[in-house]
């Protein structure tokens, strides 16, 4: 999720921002729950990833890791699938909702 495409970028608490600033290992990050269209709950981590371009410049992105591949399989997502990710909190816990567009007839 590129930072520049986020509708709202203030969904993380100061503690979560500090965790992301200190993450050094792949597989670490802010723990979260994702809920899909079948109301299945998936545990995963939110992390920041820098993507460098050939020019030397780059962009920062949020990535959902350590569980995302299971979500892809469970929701039959394919390369090029359009999705939306919404954030919310439940009892202070960071959560995401996976929203798929309606099927095309």
C-alpha atoms as a PDB file:
ATOM      1  CA  UNK A   1       0.000   0.000   0.000  1.00  0.00           C
ATOM      2  CA  UNK A   2       1.957   3.020  -1.205  1.00  0.00           C
ATOM      3  CA  UNK A   3       1.856   5.898   1.277  1.00  0.00           C
ATOM      4  CA  UNK A   4       0.758   8.312  -1.456  1.00  0.00           C
ATOM      5  CA  UNK A   5      -2.409   6.275  -2.202  1.00  0.00           C
ATOM      6  CA  UNK A   6      -3.726   6.215   1.372  1.00  0.00           C
ATOM      7  CA  UNK A   7      -6.952   8.140   1.914  1.00  0.00           C
ATOM      8  CA  UNK A   8      -6.048   8.618   5.576  1.00  0.00           C
ATOM      9  CA  UNK A   9      -2.576   8.029   6.975  1.00  0.00           C
ATOM     10  CA  UNK A  10      -3.146   8.595  10.691  1.00  0.00           C
ATOM     11  CA  UNK A  11      -4.463   5.122  11.559  1.00  0.00           C
ATOM     12  CA  UNK A  12      -1.417   4.068  13.610  1.00  0.00           C
ATOM     13  CA  UNK A  13      -0.855   4.940  17.255  1.00  0.00           C
ATOM     14  CA  UNK A  14       2.431   6.534  18.392  1.00  0.00           C
ATOM     15  CA  UNK A  15       3.455   3.168  19.895  1.00  0.00           C
ATOM     16  CA  UNK A  16       2.805   1.378  16.581  1.00  0.00           C
ATOM     17  CA  UNK A  17       4.759   4.034  14.674  1.00  0.00           C
ATOM     18  CA  UNK A  18       7.702   3.457  17.044  1.00  0.00           C
ATOM     19  CA  UNK A  19       7.501  -0.304  16.472  1.00  0.00           C
ATOM     20  CA  UNK A  20       7.670   0.220  12.704  1.00  0.00           C
ATOM     21  CA  UNK A  21      10.604   2.624  13.092  1.00  0.00           C
ATOM     22  CA  UNK A  22      12.547  -0.029  15.029  1.00  0.00           C
ATOM     23  CA  UNK A  23      11.709  -3.091  12.902  1.00  0.00           C
ATOM     24  CA  UNK A  24      14.833  -4.572  11.381  1.00  0.00           C
ATOM     25  CA  UNK A  25      13.809  -8.143  10.575  1.00  0.00           C
ATOM     26  CA  UNK A  26      11.443  -9.403   7.899  1.00  0.00           C
ATOM     27  CA  UNK A  27       8.524 -10.988   9.701  1.00  0.00           C
ATOM     28  CA  UNK A  28       8.342  -8.337  12.394  1.00  0.00           C
ATOM     29  CA  UNK A  29       5.956  -5.427  12.571  1.00  0.00           C
ATOM     30  CA  UNK A  30       2.689  -4.382  14.149  1.00  0.00           C
ATOM     31  CA  UNK A  31       0.362  -7.298  14.845  1.00  0.00           C
ATOM     32  CA  UNK A  32      -3.092  -6.971  13.307  1.00  0.00           C
ATOM     33  CA  UNK A  33      -6.219  -8.903  12.360  1.00  0.00           C
ATOM     34  CA  UNK A  34      -7.732  -8.893   8.868  1.00  0.00           C
ATOM     35  CA  UNK A  35     -11.401  -9.771   8.322  1.00  0.00           C
ATOM     36  CA  UNK A  36     -12.461 -10.943   4.862  1.00  0.00           C
ATOM     37  CA  UNK A  37     -15.817 -11.126   3.051  1.00  0.00           C
ATOM     38  CA  UNK A  38     -16.628 -14.509   4.635  1.00  0.00           C
ATOM     39  CA  UNK A  39     -15.998 -12.946   8.070  1.00  0.00           C
ATOM     40  CA  UNK A  40     -12.898 -15.135   8.470  1.00  0.00           C
ATOM     41  CA  UNK A  41     -10.241 -13.606  10.714  1.00  0.00           C
ATOM     42  CA  UNK A  42      -6.580 -13.749   9.728  1.00  0.00           C
ATOM     43  CA  UNK A  43      -3.566 -12.800  11.861  1.00  0.00           C
ATOM     44  CA  UNK A  44      -0.770 -10.888  10.145  1.00  0.00           C
ATOM     45  CA  UNK A  45       1.753  -8.086  10.581  1.00  0.00           C
ATOM     46  CA  UNK A  46       1.893  -4.581   9.141  1.00  0.00           C
ATOM     47  CA  UNK A  47       5.370  -3.457   8.134  1.00  0.00           C
ATOM     48  CA  UNK A  48       6.968  -0.610   6.171  1.00  0.00           C
ATOM     49  CA  UNK A  49       8.878  -1.412   3.007  1.00  0.00           C
ATOM     50  CA  UNK A  50      10.961   0.940   0.930  1.00  0.00           C
ATOM     51  CA  UNK A  51      10.871   0.405  -2.828  1.00  0.00           C
ATOM     52  CA  UNK A  52      13.858   1.904  -4.618  1.00  0.00           C
ATOM     53  CA  UNK A  53      13.722   2.932  -8.250  1.00  0.00           C
ATOM     54  CA  UNK A  54      16.560   2.766 -10.764  1.00  0.00           C
ATOM     55  CA  UNK A  55      16.925   6.546 -10.382  1.00  0.00           C
ATOM     56  CA  UNK A  56      17.898   6.059  -6.739  1.00  0.00           C
ATOM     57  CA  UNK A  57      14.666   7.611  -5.505  1.00  0.00           C
ATOM     58  CA  UNK A  58      12.036   5.461  -3.935  1.00  0.00           C
ATOM     59  CA  UNK A  59       8.674   5.214  -2.252  1.00  0.00           C
ATOM     60  CA  UNK A  60       7.587   3.941   1.131  1.00  0.00           C
ATOM     61  CA  UNK A  61       4.824   1.376   1.352  1.00  0.00           C
ATOM     62  CA  UNK A  62       2.900  -0.466   4.015  1.00  0.00           C
ATOM     63  CA  UNK A  63       2.945  -4.229   3.558  1.00  0.00           C
ATOM     64  CA  UNK A  64       0.772  -6.885   5.174  1.00  0.00           C
ATOM     65  CA  UNK A  65       3.075  -9.830   5.825  1.00  0.00           C
ATOM     66  CA  UNK A  66       3.274 -13.203   7.598  1.00  0.00           C
ATOM     67  CA  UNK A  67      -0.155 -14.426   6.618  1.00  0.00           C
ATOM     68  CA  UNK A  68      -0.932 -12.509   3.439  1.00  0.00           C
ATOM     69  CA  UNK A  69      -0.365 -15.531   1.155  1.00  0.00           C
ATOM     70  CA  UNK A  70      -2.982 -17.493   3.125  1.00  0.00           C
ATOM     71  CA  UNK A  71      -5.433 -14.601   2.675  1.00  0.00           C
ATOM     72  CA  UNK A  72      -4.727 -14.556  -1.081  1.00  0.00           C
ATOM     73  CA  UNK A  73      -5.472 -18.287  -1.344  1.00  0.00           C
ATOM     74  CA  UNK A  74      -8.499 -18.169   0.954  1.00  0.00           C
ATOM     75  CA  UNK A  75     -10.087 -15.343  -1.040  1.00  0.00           C
ATOM     76  CA  UNK A  76      -9.035 -16.622  -4.483  1.00  0.00           C
ATOM     77  CA  UNK A  77      -7.163 -13.408  -5.296  1.00  0.00           C
ATOM     78  CA  UNK A  78      -5.105 -13.307  -8.466  1.00  0.00           C
ATOM     79  CA  UNK A  79      -2.508 -10.976  -9.919  1.00  0.00           C
ATOM     80  CA  UNK A  80      -4.409  -7.891 -11.021  1.00  0.00           C
ATOM     81  CA  UNK A  81      -7.266  -8.369  -8.532  1.00  0.00           C
ATOM     82  CA  UNK A  82      -8.691  -5.066  -7.332  1.00  0.00           C
ATOM     83  CA  UNK A  83      -9.114  -4.840  -3.571  1.00  0.00           C
ATOM     84  CA  UNK A  84      -9.575  -2.204  -0.904  1.00  0.00           C
ATOM     85  CA  UNK A  85      -8.157  -2.421   2.598  1.00  0.00           C
ATOM     86  CA  UNK A  86      -9.943  -0.497   5.356  1.00  0.00           C
ATOM     87  CA  UNK A  87      -8.489  -0.034   8.827  1.00  0.00           C
ATOM     88  CA  UNK A  88     -10.424   0.045  12.079  1.00  0.00           C
ATOM     89  CA  UNK A  89      -9.856  -0.714  15.741  1.00  0.00           C
ATOM     90  CA  UNK A  90     -11.554  -3.245  17.962  1.00  0.00           C
ATOM     91  CA  UNK A  91     -10.821  -2.768  21.662  1.00  0.00           C
ATOM     92  CA  UNK A  92      -7.652  -0.898  20.650  1.00  0.00           C
ATOM     93  CA  UNK A  93      -6.376  -3.676  18.354  1.00  0.00           C
ATOM     94  CA  UNK A  94      -5.426  -2.683  14.803  1.00  0.00           C
ATOM     95  CA  UNK A  95      -7.716  -4.446  12.335  1.00  0.00           C
ATOM     96  CA  UNK A  96      -8.203  -4.414   8.583  1.00  0.00           C
ATOM     97  CA  UNK A  97     -11.164  -5.304   6.390  1.00  0.00           C
ATOM     98  CA  UNK A  98     -10.566  -6.798   2.947  1.00  0.00           C
ATOM     99  CA  UNK A  99     -13.168  -5.406   0.539  1.00  0.00           C
ATOM    100  CA  UNK A 100     -13.586  -6.926  -2.909  1.00  0.00           C
ATOM    101  CA  UNK A 101     -15.574  -5.309  -5.715  1.00  0.00           C
ATOM    102  CA  UNK A 102     -18.865  -6.982  -6.645  1.00  0.00           C
ATOM    103  CA  UNK A 103     -18.528  -9.738  -9.262  1.00  0.00           C
ATOM    104  CA  UNK A 104     -18.939  -8.616 -12.849  1.00  0.00           C
ATOM    105  CA  UNK A 105     -21.791 -10.317 -14.704  1.00  0.00           C
END
